């Protein structure tokens, strides 16, 4: 791994991330889970014992790796997930052909780390530790999590162009292109659920039959776009004999206007036009208000959802 001073890089974590302490000095802690502590240490002292200095000293001339290493500021810890229209997002699993099928959960924890501008160029070992809730920056209170990742801090003059990153994916000679194929989003049909008029809100529930060319397309999934779906439920079932897929939406908050229908082309088939090959007739659209009564005059359209004017109903 190669980084430059005064930059931010991402570090994948192998377990659930701890808190987002901004830095040792500011003392912003995760009072529930404890904090993630990251340092870069000299190869002969991979755990930075004694603990690295909270404030890096100015880099000497000529540059020299300090024996105690440096802390890296943790900007935040987060988790990234595959696109909900990808195979991994649909299945909830990531299939690694190189290592076997159904390889665990698909979420990847990431820590975004800041490299201080004062860090001396050189080769270090990345040291990741955790600190229990309520403890202080000291070696006895910190638990080793991982070490042994080589990290090179490049010597880049101020104002110079950042060097090209040359950190290939994978390890040794193991190819991973096939392993990552499930992360590629499948094609989608964007569906808008809206009412005519600027003052109207979206329905609280809907059931829509969408026709599609079964000879060319396989339906894979349906999900809510734009929002995270905290207050809504989207389900679907396919009827290839009738050449239709039925999508059901339940949203008492009346905020759902963007539904994505995920599909794939069958082998050897030509591309489809979502505006032509996917259809829904008015009699196949059943929209309901909060009381469960049918609504009228509320078209369910296949269109670009980015053109819709989002408007949520009341609680």
Protein backbone atom coordinates (compact mmCIF):
# COMPACT_ATOMS: atom_id res chain seq x y z
CA UNK A 1 0.00 0.00 0.00
CA UNK A 2 1.35 3.41 -0.98
CA UNK A 3 0.23 6.72 0.51
CA UNK A 4 1.49 10.28 0.52
CA UNK A 5 1.63 12.78 3.40
CA UNK A 6 -1.39 15.03 3.88
CA UNK A 7 -3.78 12.61 2.16
CA UNK A 8 -6.66 10.26 3.00
CA UNK A 9 -6.85 6.56 2.12
CA UNK A 10 -9.28 3.71 2.75
CA UNK A 11 -8.42 0.66 4.83
CA UNK A 12 -10.68 -2.44 4.59
CA UNK A 13 -11.39 -4.02 7.98
CA UNK A 14 -11.98 -7.71 8.54
CA UNK A 15 -14.53 -7.29 11.31
CA UNK A 16 -17.18 -4.85 12.40
CA UNK A 17 -15.65 -1.40 12.72
CA UNK A 18 -15.28 0.38 16.00
CA UNK A 19 -15.96 4.04 16.64
CA UNK A 20 -15.02 7.09 14.67
CA UNK A 21 -12.57 8.86 16.91
CA UNK A 22 -11.42 11.82 14.86
CA UNK A 23 -8.00 11.88 16.48
CA UNK A 24 -6.23 11.07 19.70
CA UNK A 25 -5.96 14.71 20.68
CA UNK A 26 -9.57 15.72 20.11
CA UNK A 27 -10.96 12.92 22.26
CA UNK A 28 -14.14 12.32 20.25
CA UNK A 29 -14.98 8.76 21.22
CA UNK A 30 -17.56 6.10 20.47
CA UNK A 31 -18.91 5.71 24.01
CA UNK A 32 -20.70 2.47 23.15
CA UNK A 33 -18.23 0.36 21.18
CA UNK A 34 -14.84 1.86 21.89
CA UNK A 35 -12.49 3.27 19.30
CA UNK A 36 -10.37 2.17 16.39
CA UNK A 37 -6.71 3.15 16.75
CA UNK A 38 -4.45 3.05 13.69
CA UNK A 39 -0.74 3.77 13.59
CA UNK A 40 2.10 3.30 11.14
CA UNK A 41 5.10 1.76 12.85
CA UNK A 42 8.70 0.99 11.86
CA UNK A 43 9.24 -2.61 10.67
CA UNK A 44 11.30 -3.42 13.75
CA UNK A 45 8.51 -2.20 16.04
CA UNK A 46 5.27 -3.32 14.36
CA UNK A 47 3.07 -2.45 17.35
CA UNK A 48 4.61 0.97 18.04
CA UNK A 49 5.53 0.04 21.59
CA UNK A 50 5.84 2.39 23.33
CA UNK A 51 2.74 3.88 21.80
CA UNK A 52 3.10 6.27 18.87
CA UNK A 53 3.13 9.99 19.51
CA UNK A 54 -0.25 11.74 19.18
CA UNK A 55 1.42 14.70 17.46
CA UNK A 56 4.03 13.72 14.85
CA UNK A 57 7.27 15.62 15.23
CA UNK A 58 8.56 17.49 12.18
CA UNK A 59 10.30 15.21 9.76
CA UNK A 60 14.09 15.54 10.21
CA UNK A 61 16.55 16.18 7.42
CA UNK A 62 17.47 13.71 6.07
CA UNK A 63 14.14 11.87 6.64
CA UNK A 64 14.22 9.06 9.17
CA UNK A 65 11.47 6.75 10.38
CA UNK A 66 10.94 7.50 14.10
CA UNK A 67 11.17 4.45 16.38
CA UNK A 68 7.70 5.05 17.86
CA UNK A 69 5.82 5.62 14.61
CA UNK A 70 2.82 7.88 14.00
CA UNK A 71 -0.87 7.82 14.74
CA UNK A 72 -3.18 8.22 11.77
CA UNK A 73 -6.31 10.31 12.27
CA UNK A 74 -9.44 8.22 11.76
CA UNK A 75 -11.81 10.39 9.76
CA UNK A 76 -14.63 7.86 10.16
CA UNK A 77 -15.53 4.18 9.96
CA UNK A 78 -18.32 3.07 7.68
CA UNK A 79 -19.68 0.05 5.81
CA UNK A 80 -20.21 -0.15 2.07
CA UNK A 81 -22.70 -2.51 0.46
CA UNK A 82 -23.10 -3.78 -3.10
CA UNK A 83 -25.62 -2.17 -5.39
CA UNK A 84 -29.08 -3.60 -4.57
CA UNK A 85 -29.50 -4.50 -8.24
CA UNK A 86 -26.31 -6.59 -8.36
CA UNK A 87 -26.27 -10.35 -7.87
CA UNK A 88 -24.55 -9.94 -4.51
CA UNK A 89 -27.06 -7.32 -3.41
CA UNK A 90 -29.99 -9.51 -4.41
CA UNK A 91 -28.64 -12.69 -2.80
CA UNK A 92 -27.13 -11.06 0.28
CA UNK A 93 -23.98 -13.11 -0.29
CA UNK A 94 -20.82 -12.72 -2.30
CA UNK A 95 -19.85 -15.77 -4.33
CA UNK A 96 -16.07 -16.21 -4.61
CA UNK A 97 -15.41 -18.89 -7.26
CA UNK A 98 -11.76 -18.94 -6.23
CA UNK A 99 -12.56 -19.80 -2.63
CA UNK A 100 -15.98 -21.44 -2.73
CA UNK A 101 -19.57 -20.27 -2.93
CA UNK A 102 -21.58 -18.16 -0.47
CA UNK A 103 -18.60 -16.37 1.00
CA UNK A 104 -20.06 -14.56 3.95
CA UNK A 105 -21.91 -11.28 4.16
CA UNK A 106 -21.51 -8.67 1.47
CA UNK A 107 -20.94 -5.57 3.62
CA UNK A 108 -17.34 -4.32 3.77
CA UNK A 109 -16.22 -2.20 6.69
CA UNK A 110 -13.90 0.63 5.72
CA UNK A 111 -11.87 3.09 7.77
CA UNK A 112 -10.94 6.40 6.17
CA UNK A 113 -7.58 7.45 7.56
CA UNK A 114 -5.67 10.72 7.30
CA UNK A 115 -1.91 10.68 6.84
CA UNK A 116 -0.45 13.74 8.62
CA UNK A 117 1.65 16.10 6.55
CA UNK A 118 4.54 15.70 9.02
CA UNK A 119 4.98 11.95 8.41
CA UNK A 120 8.45 11.10 7.14
CA UNK A 121 8.74 9.17 3.87
CA UNK A 122 9.70 5.54 4.38
CA UNK A 123 8.43 1.99 4.81
CA UNK A 124 6.15 1.25 7.76
CA UNK A 125 3.94 -1.48 9.17
CA UNK A 126 0.25 -0.72 9.60
CA UNK A 127 -0.83 -1.36 13.19
CA UNK A 128 -4.56 -1.53 13.97
CA UNK A 129 -5.71 -1.63 17.59
CA UNK A 130 -8.92 -1.11 19.52
CA UNK A 131 -9.43 0.93 22.66
CA UNK A 132 -12.14 -0.02 25.17
CA UNK A 133 -14.81 2.46 26.09
CA UNK A 134 -13.67 5.09 28.58
CA UNK A 135 -9.95 4.26 28.42
CA UNK A 136 -7.07 6.52 27.44
CA UNK A 137 -4.32 6.48 24.81
CA UNK A 138 -1.88 4.10 26.40
CA UNK A 139 -0.46 0.75 25.48
CA UNK A 140 -2.04 -1.25 28.39
CA UNK A 141 -5.54 -0.08 27.38
CA UNK A 142 -5.23 -0.90 23.69
CA UNK A 143 -5.82 -4.35 22.22
CA UNK A 144 -3.94 -5.50 19.12
CA UNK A 145 -6.25 -6.11 16.18
CA UNK A 146 -3.99 -6.55 13.14
CA UNK A 147 -0.46 -5.80 12.02
CA UNK A 148 1.91 -6.73 9.24
CA UNK A 149 0.55 -4.74 6.27
CA UNK A 150 3.39 -2.94 4.56
CA UNK A 151 2.66 0.70 3.88
CA UNK A 152 5.05 3.02 2.07
CA UNK A 153 4.85 6.76 2.62
CA UNK A 154 6.12 8.29 -0.60
CA UNK A 155 8.32 11.34 -0.75
CA UNK A 156 6.22 13.79 -2.75
CA UNK A 157 7.28 17.46 -2.76
CA UNK A 158 4.56 19.96 -1.79
CA UNK A 159 2.47 20.93 -4.81
CA UNK A 160 3.69 18.02 -6.94
CA UNK A 161 1.29 15.74 -8.79
CA UNK A 162 0.29 12.68 -6.81
CA UNK A 163 1.98 9.53 -8.09
CA UNK A 164 0.00 6.89 -9.91
CA UNK A 165 -1.43 4.34 -7.50
CA UNK A 166 -0.12 0.86 -8.19
CA UNK A 167 -1.87 -1.34 -5.65
CA UNK A 168 -3.40 -4.26 -7.58
CA UNK A 169 -6.42 -6.12 -6.25
CA UNK A 170 -6.00 -9.72 -5.22
CA UNK A 171 -3.06 -11.60 -3.77
CA UNK A 172 -0.22 -13.43 -5.46
CA UNK A 173 -1.46 -14.86 -8.76
CA UNK A 174 -5.10 -15.44 -7.76
CA UNK A 175 -7.41 -13.81 -10.34
CA UNK A 176 -10.40 -12.03 -8.87
CA UNK A 177 -12.28 -10.75 -11.92
CA UNK A 178 -14.75 -13.64 -11.64
CA UNK A 179 -15.08 -13.05 -7.89
CA UNK A 180 -16.13 -9.44 -8.43
CA UNK A 181 -18.61 -10.11 -11.23
CA UNK A 182 -21.50 -10.31 -8.77
CA UNK A 183 -20.88 -6.70 -7.74
CA UNK A 184 -21.77 -5.35 -11.19
CA UNK A 185 -25.31 -3.88 -11.22
CA UNK A 186 -27.78 -5.64 -13.49
CA UNK A 187 -29.93 -3.59 -15.89
CA UNK A 188 -33.01 -1.97 -14.39
CA UNK A 189 -36.35 -0.54 -15.39
CA UNK A 190 -37.02 2.68 -13.42
CA UNK A 191 -40.66 2.95 -12.36
CA UNK A 192 -42.32 6.08 -11.02
CA UNK A 193 -45.27 5.89 -8.68
CA UNK A 194 -46.81 9.35 -8.68
CA UNK A 195 -50.02 11.29 -8.78
CA UNK A 196 -50.84 14.06 -11.16
CA UNK A 197 -50.62 17.54 -9.70
CA UNK A 198 -48.03 19.28 -7.55
CA UNK A 199 -50.02 19.04 -4.32
CA UNK A 200 -50.76 15.33 -4.30
CA UNK A 201 -48.81 12.70 -2.40
CA UNK A 202 -47.86 9.15 -3.16
CA UNK A 203 -50.14 6.22 -2.31
CA UNK A 204 -49.72 4.29 0.94
CA UNK A 205 -49.82 0.97 -0.90
CA UNK A 206 -49.81 -0.26 -4.47
CA UNK A 207 -49.95 -3.46 -6.48
CA UNK A 208 -48.92 -3.23 -10.11
CA UNK A 209 -48.67 -5.82 -12.85
CA UNK A 210 -45.85 -5.10 -15.31
CA UNK A 211 -45.73 -7.00 -18.57
CA UNK A 212 -42.37 -7.98 -20.02
CA UNK A 213 -40.94 -10.13 -22.86
CA UNK A 214 -40.38 -13.50 -21.17
CA UNK A 215 -38.62 -14.86 -24.25
CA UNK A 216 -35.81 -12.31 -23.84
CA UNK A 217 -35.76 -11.27 -20.17
CA UNK A 218 -35.49 -12.88 -16.73
CA UNK A 219 -36.76 -10.85 -13.76
CA UNK A 220 -34.28 -10.84 -10.84
CA UNK A 221 -35.59 -8.44 -8.19
CA UNK A 222 -37.42 -5.23 -7.33
CA UNK A 223 -36.39 -2.64 -4.75
CA UNK A 224 -37.07 0.90 -3.65
CA UNK A 225 -34.81 3.58 -5.09
CA UNK A 226 -33.81 6.98 -3.69
CA UNK A 227 -34.79 6.23 -0.09
CA UNK A 228 -33.34 3.56 2.20
CA UNK A 229 -36.73 1.94 2.63
CA UNK A 230 -36.92 2.28 6.41
CA UNK A 231 -40.70 2.78 6.38
CA UNK A 232 -41.57 0.78 3.29
CA UNK A 233 -41.76 -2.77 2.00
CA UNK A 234 -41.35 -3.82 -1.62
CA UNK A 235 -42.00 -7.38 -2.75
CA UNK A 236 -42.51 -9.03 -6.13
CA UNK A 237 -43.49 -12.29 -7.73
CA UNK A 238 -43.03 -13.41 -11.29
CA UNK A 239 -45.47 -15.20 -13.60
CA UNK A 240 -43.55 -16.06 -16.78
CA UNK A 241 -46.53 -17.94 -18.22
CA UNK A 242 -48.62 -14.76 -18.09
CA UNK A 243 -45.58 -12.65 -19.11
CA UNK A 244 -45.92 -10.37 -16.12
CA UNK A 245 -44.33 -9.51 -12.80
CA UNK A 246 -46.40 -8.18 -9.90
CA UNK A 247 -44.84 -5.59 -7.60
CA UNK A 248 -46.34 -4.78 -4.21
CA UNK A 249 -45.44 -1.62 -2.28
CA UNK A 250 -46.47 -0.81 1.30
CA UNK A 251 -45.44 2.59 2.66
CA UNK A 252 -47.60 4.29 5.33
CA UNK A 253 -45.28 7.33 5.13
CA UNK A 254 -46.26 7.73 1.45
CA UNK A 255 -42.70 8.51 0.34
CA UNK A 256 -42.14 5.75 -2.23
CA UNK A 257 -42.14 7.00 -5.79
CA UNK A 258 -39.11 5.24 -7.27
CA UNK A 259 -39.20 1.47 -7.80
CA UNK A 260 -36.45 -0.36 -9.69
CA UNK A 261 -37.25 -3.60 -11.50
CA UNK A 262 -34.03 -5.60 -11.96
CA UNK A 263 -33.66 -7.98 -14.89
CA UNK A 264 -31.14 -9.70 -17.12
CA UNK A 265 -31.16 -10.52 -20.79
CA UNK A 266 -31.37 -14.20 -21.58
CA UNK A 267 -28.33 -15.63 -23.33
CA UNK A 268 -28.06 -14.53 -26.94
CA UNK A 269 -31.01 -12.12 -26.80
CA UNK A 270 -30.93 -8.56 -28.09
CA UNK A 271 -31.31 -5.55 -25.82
CA UNK A 272 -34.77 -4.42 -24.77
CA UNK A 273 -36.26 -0.94 -24.60
CA UNK A 274 -37.80 -0.43 -21.13
CA UNK A 275 -40.20 2.20 -22.51
CA UNK A 276 -41.51 -0.27 -25.10
CA UNK A 277 -40.96 -3.81 -23.86
CA UNK A 278 -42.16 -3.24 -20.28
CA UNK A 279 -45.80 -2.20 -20.01
CA UNK A 280 -48.51 -1.70 -17.42
CA UNK A 281 -52.13 -0.97 -18.31
CA UNK A 282 -54.33 1.25 -16.09
CA UNK A 283 -56.54 -1.70 -15.15
CA UNK A 284 -53.43 -3.48 -13.79
CA UNK A 285 -52.58 -0.70 -11.34
CA UNK A 286 -54.14 -0.84 -7.89
CA UNK A 287 -53.24 2.12 -5.68
CA UNK A 288 -54.50 2.63 -2.12
CA UNK A 289 -54.71 5.45 0.41
CA UNK A 290 -53.97 5.21 4.14
CA UNK A 291 -57.42 3.76 4.79
CA UNK A 292 -57.02 1.01 2.21
CA UNK A 293 -59.42 2.62 -0.27
CA UNK A 294 -58.67 2.49 -3.97
CA UNK A 295 -57.38 5.67 -5.57
CA UNK A 296 -58.30 6.77 -9.05
CA UNK A 297 -56.54 8.87 -11.65
CA UNK A 298 -53.06 8.01 -10.35
CA UNK A 299 -50.94 6.62 -13.15
CA UNK A 300 -48.09 4.23 -12.52
CA UNK A 301 -45.61 5.19 -15.20
CA UNK A 302 -42.38 3.79 -16.57
CA UNK A 303 -40.09 6.78 -16.87
CA UNK A 304 -36.92 8.40 -15.66
CA UNK A 305 -37.33 8.73 -11.87
CA UNK A 306 -34.95 11.68 -11.79
CA UNK A 307 -37.68 13.75 -13.44
CA UNK A 308 -40.15 13.06 -10.65
CA UNK A 309 -40.83 15.70 -8.04
CA UNK A 310 -40.37 13.89 -4.71
CA UNK A 311 -43.08 14.61 -2.16
CA UNK A 312 -43.87 12.61 0.97
CA UNK A 313 -47.16 12.38 2.77
CA UNK A 314 -47.81 12.99 6.44
CA UNK A 315 -47.40 10.41 9.18
